[in-house]
PDB file of all heavy atoms in Angstrom:
ATOM      1  N   LEU A   1     -10.780 -12.757  -0.033  1.00  0.00           N
ATOM      2  CA  LEU A   1     -11.230 -13.193   1.298  1.00  0.00           C
ATOM      3  C   LEU A   1     -11.683 -14.651   1.334  1.00  0.00           C
ATOM      4  O   LEU A   1     -11.340 -15.377   2.283  1.00  0.00           O
ATOM      5  CB  LEU A   1     -12.361 -12.277   1.796  1.00  0.00           C
ATOM      6  CG  LEU A   1     -11.952 -10.844   2.168  1.00  0.00           C
ATOM      7  CD1 LEU A   1     -13.181 -10.030   2.563  1.00  0.00           C
ATOM      8  CD2 LEU A   1     -10.943 -10.853   3.305  1.00  0.00           C
ATOM      9  N   PRO A   2     -12.456 -15.112   0.320  1.00  0.00           N
ATOM     10  CA  PRO A   2     -12.899 -16.522   0.400  1.00  0.00           C
ATOM     11  C   PRO A   2     -11.736 -17.519   0.408  1.00  0.00           C
ATOM     12  O   PRO A   2     -11.876 -18.618   0.945  1.00  0.00           O
ATOM     13  CB  PRO A   2     -13.760 -16.688  -0.861  1.00  0.00           C
ATOM     14  CG  PRO A   2     -14.223 -15.304  -1.188  1.00  0.00           C
ATOM     15  CD  PRO A   2     -13.078 -14.420  -0.817  1.00  0.00           C
ATOM     16  N   GLY A   3     -10.613 -17.146  -0.176  1.00  0.00           N
ATOM     17  CA  GLY A   3      -9.486 -18.066  -0.239  1.00  0.00           C
ATOM     18  C   GLY A   3      -8.460 -17.861   0.858  1.00  0.00           C
ATOM     19  O   GLY A   3      -7.372 -18.463   0.803  1.00  0.00           O
ATOM     20  N   ALA A   4      -8.759 -17.010   1.829  1.00  0.00           N
ATOM     21  CA  ALA A   4      -7.808 -16.744   2.912  1.00  0.00           C
ATOM     22  C   ALA A   4      -7.535 -18.030   3.686  1.00  0.00           C
ATOM     23  O   ALA A   4      -8.476 -18.727   4.118  1.00  0.00           O
ATOM     24  CB  ALA A   4      -8.352 -15.670   3.842  1.00  0.00           C
ATOM     25  N   PRO A   5      -6.257 -18.373   3.911  1.00  0.00           N
ATOM     26  CA  PRO A   5      -5.934 -19.659   4.560  1.00  0.00           C
ATOM     27  C   PRO A   5      -6.217 -19.680   6.060  1.00  0.00           C
ATOM     28  O   PRO A   5      -6.352 -20.745   6.640  1.00  0.00           O
ATOM     29  CB  PRO A   5      -4.438 -19.813   4.290  1.00  0.00           C
ATOM     30  CG  PRO A   5      -3.934 -18.416   4.121  1.00  0.00           C
ATOM     31  CD  PRO A   5      -5.053 -17.667   3.494  1.00  0.00           C
ATOM     32  N   ASP A   6      -6.308 -18.505   6.698  1.00  0.00           N
ATOM     33  CA  ASP A   6      -6.529 -18.466   8.147  1.00  0.00           C
ATOM     34  C   ASP A   6      -7.148 -17.129   8.524  1.00  0.00           C
ATOM     35  O   ASP A   6      -7.317 -16.231   7.688  1.00  0.00           O
ATOM     36  CB  ASP A   6      -5.214 -18.687   8.895  1.00  0.00           C
ATOM     37  CG  ASP A   6      -4.106 -17.785   8.378  1.00  0.00           C
ATOM     38  OD1 ASP A   6      -4.313 -16.558   8.332  1.00  0.00           O
ATOM     39  OD2 ASP A   6      -3.039 -18.315   7.986  1.00  0.00           O
ATOM     40  N   LYS A   7      -7.448 -16.978   9.815  1.00  0.00           N
ATOM     41  CA  LYS A   7      -8.094 -15.754  10.297  1.00  0.00           C
ATOM     42  C   LYS A   7      -7.192 -14.539  10.153  1.00  0.00           C
ATOM     43  O   LYS A   7      -7.662 -13.438   9.861  1.00  0.00           O
ATOM     44  CB  LYS A   7      -8.509 -15.935  11.750  1.00  0.00           C
ATOM     45  CG  LYS A   7      -9.672 -16.887  11.945  1.00  0.00           C
ATOM     46  CD  LYS A   7     -10.086 -16.933  13.408  1.00  0.00           C
ATOM     47  CE  LYS A   7     -11.288 -17.863  13.602  1.00  0.00           C
ATOM     48  NZ  LYS A   7     -11.695 -17.921  15.039  1.00  0.00           N
ATOM     49  N   ILE A   8      -5.884 -14.720  10.396  1.00  0.00           N
ATOM     50  CA  ILE A   8      -4.967 -13.585  10.291  1.00  0.00           C
ATOM     51  C   ILE A   8      -4.985 -13.013   8.883  1.00  0.00           C
ATOM     52  O   ILE A   8      -5.131 -11.803   8.684  1.00  0.00           O
ATOM     53  CB  ILE A   8      -3.540 -14.006  10.697  1.00  0.00           C
ATOM     54  CG1 ILE A   8      -3.509 -14.424  12.170  1.00  0.00           C
ATOM     55  CG2 ILE A   8      -2.555 -12.870  10.436  1.00  0.00           C
ATOM     56  CD1 ILE A   8      -2.157 -14.938  12.626  1.00  0.00           C
ATOM     57  N   SER A   9      -4.844 -13.881   7.886  1.00  0.00           N
ATOM     58  CA  SER A   9      -4.861 -13.437   6.485  1.00  0.00           C
ATOM     59  C   SER A   9      -6.211 -12.838   6.130  1.00  0.00           C
ATOM     60  O   SER A   9      -6.302 -11.847   5.389  1.00  0.00           O
ATOM     61  CB  SER A   9      -4.546 -14.604   5.549  1.00  0.00           C
ATOM     62  OG  SER A   9      -3.251 -15.110   5.791  1.00  0.00           O
ATOM     63  N   PHE A  10      -7.287 -13.439   6.664  1.00  0.00           N
ATOM     64  CA  PHE A  10      -8.643 -12.943   6.373  1.00  0.00           C
ATOM     65  C   PHE A  10      -8.798 -11.503   6.854  1.00  0.00           C
ATOM     66  O   PHE A  10      -9.251 -10.631   6.103  1.00  0.00           O
ATOM     67  CB  PHE A  10      -9.675 -13.851   7.038  1.00  0.00           C
ATOM     68  CG  PHE A  10     -11.094 -13.401   6.829  1.00  0.00           C
ATOM     69  CD1 PHE A  10     -11.806 -13.798   5.701  1.00  0.00           C
ATOM     70  CD2 PHE A  10     -11.731 -12.564   7.745  1.00  0.00           C
ATOM     71  CE1 PHE A  10     -13.113 -13.372   5.499  1.00  0.00           C
ATOM     72  CE2 PHE A  10     -13.041 -12.126   7.549  1.00  0.00           C
ATOM     73  CZ  PHE A  10     -13.727 -12.535   6.416  1.00  0.00           C
ATOM     74  N   PHE A  11      -8.442 -11.253   8.116  1.00  0.00           N
ATOM     75  CA  PHE A  11      -8.634  -9.922   8.662  1.00  0.00           C
ATOM     76  C   PHE A  11      -7.653  -8.899   8.088  1.00  0.00           C
ATOM     77  O   PHE A  11      -7.979  -7.716   7.971  1.00  0.00           O
ATOM     78  CB  PHE A  11      -8.557  -9.961  10.191  1.00  0.00           C
ATOM     79  CG  PHE A  11      -9.779 -10.555  10.830  1.00  0.00           C
ATOM     80  CD1 PHE A  11      -9.729 -11.781  11.462  1.00  0.00           C
ATOM     81  CD2 PHE A  11     -10.991  -9.892  10.751  1.00  0.00           C
ATOM     82  CE1 PHE A  11     -10.869 -12.332  12.028  1.00  0.00           C
ATOM     83  CE2 PHE A  11     -12.144 -10.433  11.328  1.00  0.00           C
ATOM     84  CZ  PHE A  11     -12.086 -11.667  11.956  1.00  0.00           C
ATOM     85  N   LEU A  12      -6.447  -9.347   7.711  1.00  0.00           N
ATOM     86  CA  LEU A  12      -5.514  -8.445   7.029  1.00  0.00           C
ATOM     87  C   LEU A  12      -6.091  -7.977   5.696  1.00  0.00           C
ATOM     88  O   LEU A  12      -6.069  -6.781   5.365  1.00  0.00           O
ATOM     89  CB  LEU A  12      -4.174  -9.150   6.782  1.00  0.00           C
ATOM     90  CG  LEU A  12      -3.117  -9.099   7.881  1.00  0.00           C
ATOM     91  CD1 LEU A  12      -1.924  -9.977   7.503  1.00  0.00           C
ATOM     92  CD2 LEU A  12      -2.656  -7.669   8.129  1.00  0.00           C
ATOM     93  N   SER A  13      -6.619  -8.931   4.931  1.00  0.00           N
ATOM     94  CA  SER A  13      -7.200  -8.586   3.623  1.00  0.00           C
ATOM     95  C   SER A  13      -8.450  -7.741   3.794  1.00  0.00           C
ATOM     96  O   SER A  13      -8.680  -6.782   3.043  1.00  0.00           O
ATOM     97  CB  SER A  13      -7.533  -9.863   2.844  1.00  0.00           C
ATOM     98  OG  SER A  13      -6.364 -10.598   2.555  1.00  0.00           O
ATOM     99  N   LEU A  14      -9.286  -8.080   4.786  1.00  0.00           N
ATOM    100  CA  LEU A  14     -10.514  -7.325   5.016  1.00  0.00           C
ATOM    101  C   LEU A  14     -10.218  -5.882   5.424  1.00  0.00           C
ATOM    102  O   LEU A  14     -10.766  -4.932   4.851  1.00  0.00           O
ATOM    103  CB  LEU A  14     -11.347  -8.005   6.099  1.00  0.00           C
ATOM    104  CG  LEU A  14     -12.648  -7.285   6.506  1.00  0.00           C
ATOM    105  CD1 LEU A  14     -13.601  -7.216   5.318  1.00  0.00           C
ATOM    106  CD2 LEU A  14     -13.299  -7.981   7.702  1.00  0.00           C
ATOM    107  N   GLY A  15      -9.315  -5.722   6.396  1.00  0.00           N
ATOM    108  CA  GLY A  15      -9.000  -4.374   6.875  1.00  0.00           C
ATOM    109  C   GLY A  15      -8.363  -3.512   5.806  1.00  0.00           C
ATOM    110  O   GLY A  15      -8.759  -2.340   5.607  1.00  0.00           O
ATOM    111  N   SER A  16      -7.375  -4.067   5.099  1.00  0.00           N
ATOM    112  CA  SER A  16      -6.705  -3.276   4.054  1.00  0.00           C
ATOM    113  C   SER A  16      -7.642  -2.994   2.890  1.00  0.00           C
ATOM    114  O   SER A  16      -7.624  -1.911   2.306  1.00  0.00           O
ATOM    115  CB  SER A  16      -5.449  -3.998   3.564  1.00  0.00           C
ATOM    116  OG  SER A  16      -5.783  -5.286   3.053  1.00  0.00           O
ATOM    117  N   GLY A  17      -8.504  -3.962   2.554  1.00  0.00           N
ATOM    118  CA  GLY A  17      -9.458  -3.749   1.460  1.00  0.00           C
ATOM    119  C   GLY A  17     -10.409  -2.619   1.759  1.00  0.00           C
ATOM    120  O   GLY A  17     -10.712  -1.792   0.884  1.00  0.00           O
ATOM    121  N   ILE A  18     -10.888  -2.562   3.011  1.00  0.00           N
ATOM    122  CA  ILE A  18     -11.785  -1.470   3.410  1.00  0.00           C
ATOM    123  C   ILE A  18     -11.054  -0.130   3.350  1.00  0.00           C
ATOM    124  O   ILE A  18     -11.602   0.885   2.886  1.00  0.00           O
ATOM    125  CB  ILE A  18     -12.349  -1.728   4.819  1.00  0.00           C
ATOM    126  CG1 ILE A  18     -13.302  -2.932   4.789  1.00  0.00           C
ATOM    127  CG2 ILE A  18     -13.068  -0.491   5.354  1.00  0.00           C
ATOM    128  CD1 ILE A  18     -13.786  -3.368   6.153  1.00  0.00           C
ATOM    129  N   LEU A  19      -9.802  -0.108   3.817  1.00  0.00           N
ATOM    130  CA  LEU A  19      -9.022   1.134   3.767  1.00  0.00           C
ATOM    131  C   LEU A  19      -8.837   1.610   2.326  1.00  0.00           C
ATOM    132  O   LEU A  19      -8.974   2.809   2.032  1.00  0.00           O
ATOM    133  CB  LEU A  19      -7.659   0.933   4.429  1.00  0.00           C
ATOM    134  CG  LEU A  19      -7.641   0.938   5.957  1.00  0.00           C
ATOM    135  CD1 LEU A  19      -6.239   0.601   6.468  1.00  0.00           C
ATOM    136  CD2 LEU A  19      -8.081   2.293   6.501  1.00  0.00           C
ATOM    137  N   PHE A  20      -8.552   0.679   1.422  1.00  0.00           N
ATOM    138  CA  PHE A  20      -8.379   1.057   0.017  1.00  0.00           C
ATOM    139  C   PHE A  20      -9.676   1.622  -0.564  1.00  0.00           C
ATOM    140  O   PHE A  20      -9.646   2.564  -1.369  1.00  0.00           O
ATOM    141  CB  PHE A  20      -7.903  -0.132  -0.813  1.00  0.00           C
ATOM    142  CG  PHE A  20      -6.473  -0.519  -0.582  1.00  0.00           C
ATOM    143  CD1 PHE A  20      -6.120  -1.835  -0.330  1.00  0.00           C
ATOM    144  CD2 PHE A  20      -5.477   0.439  -0.595  1.00  0.00           C
ATOM    145  CE1 PHE A  20      -4.803  -2.185  -0.118  1.00  0.00           C
ATOM    146  CE2 PHE A  20      -4.155   0.107  -0.375  1.00  0.00           C
ATOM    147  CZ  PHE A  20      -3.811  -1.216  -0.129  1.00  0.00           C
ATOM    148  N   LEU A  21     -10.809   1.054  -0.169  1.00  0.00           N
ATOM    149  CA  LEU A  21     -12.092   1.587  -0.618  1.00  0.00           C
ATOM    150  C   LEU A  21     -12.307   3.005  -0.091  1.00  0.00           C
ATOM    151  O   LEU A  21     -12.826   3.874  -0.807  1.00  0.00           O
ATOM    152  CB  LEU A  21     -13.238   0.680  -0.151  1.00  0.00           C
ATOM    153  CG  LEU A  21     -13.586  -0.525  -1.022  1.00  0.00           C
ATOM    154  CD1 LEU A  21     -14.754  -1.288  -0.406  1.00  0.00           C
ATOM    155  CD2 LEU A  21     -13.920  -0.114  -2.447  1.00  0.00           C
ATOM    156  N   VAL A  22     -11.918   3.235   1.168  1.00  0.00           N
ATOM    157  CA  VAL A  22     -12.034   4.577   1.753  1.00  0.00           C
ATOM    158  C   VAL A  22     -11.166   5.558   0.985  1.00  0.00           C
ATOM    159  O   VAL A  22     -11.595   6.672   0.655  1.00  0.00           O
ATOM    160  CB  VAL A  22     -11.649   4.555   3.247  1.00  0.00           C
ATOM    161  CG1 VAL A  22     -11.540   5.979   3.794  1.00  0.00           C
ATOM    162  CG2 VAL A  22     -12.667   3.765   4.049  1.00  0.00           C
ATOM    163  N   TYR A  23      -9.917   5.141   0.668  1.00  0.00           N
ATOM    164  CA  TYR A  23      -9.020   6.015  -0.096  1.00  0.00           C
ATOM    165  C   TYR A  23      -9.614   6.319  -1.470  1.00  0.00           C
ATOM    166  O   TYR A  23      -9.555   7.458  -1.949  1.00  0.00           O
ATOM    167  CB  TYR A  23      -7.646   5.367  -0.265  1.00  0.00           C
ATOM    168  CG  TYR A  23      -6.928   5.077   1.036  1.00  0.00           C
ATOM    169  CD1 TYR A  23      -6.026   4.027   1.129  1.00  0.00           C
ATOM    170  CD2 TYR A  23      -7.159   5.847   2.169  1.00  0.00           C
ATOM    171  CE1 TYR A  23      -5.363   3.750   2.319  1.00  0.00           C
ATOM    172  CE2 TYR A  23      -6.499   5.591   3.358  1.00  0.00           C
ATOM    173  CZ  TYR A  23      -5.607   4.533   3.427  1.00  0.00           C
ATOM    174  OH  TYR A  23      -4.961   4.260   4.600  1.00  0.00           O
ATOM    175  N   TYR A  24     -10.182   5.297  -2.112  1.00  0.00           N
ATOM    176  CA  TYR A  24     -10.775   5.497  -3.429  1.00  0.00           C
ATOM    177  C   TYR A  24     -11.930   6.494  -3.343  1.00  0.00           C
ATOM    178  O   TYR A  24     -12.052   7.401  -4.175  1.00  0.00           O
ATOM    179  CB  TYR A  24     -11.276   4.169  -4.003  1.00  0.00           C
ATOM    180  CG  TYR A  24     -12.094   4.334  -5.258  1.00  0.00           C
ATOM    181  CD1 TYR A  24     -11.474   4.587  -6.473  1.00  0.00           C
ATOM    182  CD2 TYR A  24     -13.488   4.263  -5.225  1.00  0.00           C
ATOM    183  CE1 TYR A  24     -12.221   4.759  -7.636  1.00  0.00           C
ATOM    184  CE2 TYR A  24     -14.239   4.433  -6.370  1.00  0.00           C
ATOM    185  CZ  TYR A  24     -13.603   4.684  -7.581  1.00  0.00           C
ATOM    186  OH  TYR A  24     -14.351   4.866  -8.723  1.00  0.00           O
ATOM    187  N   TYR A  25     -12.777   6.332  -2.334  1.00  0.00           N
ATOM    188  CA  TYR A  25     -13.938   7.216  -2.188  1.00  0.00           C
ATOM    189  C   TYR A  25     -13.494   8.671  -2.032  1.00  0.00           C
ATOM    190  O   TYR A  25     -13.992   9.555  -2.741  1.00  0.00           O
ATOM    191  CB  TYR A  25     -14.784   6.789  -0.987  1.00  0.00           C
ATOM    192  CG  TYR A  25     -15.872   7.784  -0.642  1.00  0.00           C
ATOM    193  CD1 TYR A  25     -17.060   7.839  -1.370  1.00  0.00           C
ATOM    194  CD2 TYR A  25     -15.695   8.699   0.403  1.00  0.00           C
ATOM    195  CE1 TYR A  25     -18.041   8.770  -1.072  1.00  0.00           C
ATOM    196  CE2 TYR A  25     -16.682   9.637   0.709  1.00  0.00           C
ATOM    197  CZ  TYR A  25     -17.841   9.671  -0.041  1.00  0.00           C
ATOM    198  OH  TYR A  25     -18.807  10.606   0.246  1.00  0.00           O
ATOM    199  N   PHE A  26     -12.584   8.922  -1.099  1.00  0.00           N
ATOM    200  CA  PHE A  26     -12.176  10.309  -0.852  1.00  0.00           C
ATOM    201  C   PHE A  26     -11.367  10.884  -2.013  1.00  0.00           C
ATOM    202  O   PHE A  26     -11.401  12.084  -2.261  1.00  0.00           O
ATOM    203  CB  PHE A  26     -11.385  10.403   0.456  1.00  0.00           C
ATOM    204  CG  PHE A  26     -12.249  10.402   1.677  1.00  0.00           C
ATOM    205  CD1 PHE A  26     -12.408   9.243   2.421  1.00  0.00           C
ATOM    206  CD2 PHE A  26     -12.944  11.534   2.059  1.00  0.00           C
ATOM    207  CE1 PHE A  26     -13.223   9.231   3.543  1.00  0.00           C
ATOM    208  CE2 PHE A  26     -13.758  11.536   3.175  1.00  0.00           C
ATOM    209  CZ  PHE A  26     -13.905  10.374   3.926  1.00  0.00           C
ATOM    210  N   SER A  27     -10.661  10.034  -2.736  1.00  0.00           N
ATOM    211  CA  SER A  27      -9.910  10.514  -3.894  1.00  0.00           C
ATOM    212  C   SER A  27     -10.834  10.792  -5.069  1.00  0.00           C
ATOM    213  O   SER A  27     -10.752  11.847  -5.703  1.00  0.00           O
ATOM    214  CB  SER A  27      -8.855   9.480  -4.292  1.00  0.00           C
ATOM    215  OG  SER A  27      -8.216   9.852  -5.494  1.00  0.00           O
TER     216      SER A  27
END
């Protein structure tokens, strides 16, 4: 996230990262 070049990349990484954490938790 700190190295994201723009807002689109930032929110893509943030949203997918949170989803992966959710998947990890439930798994």
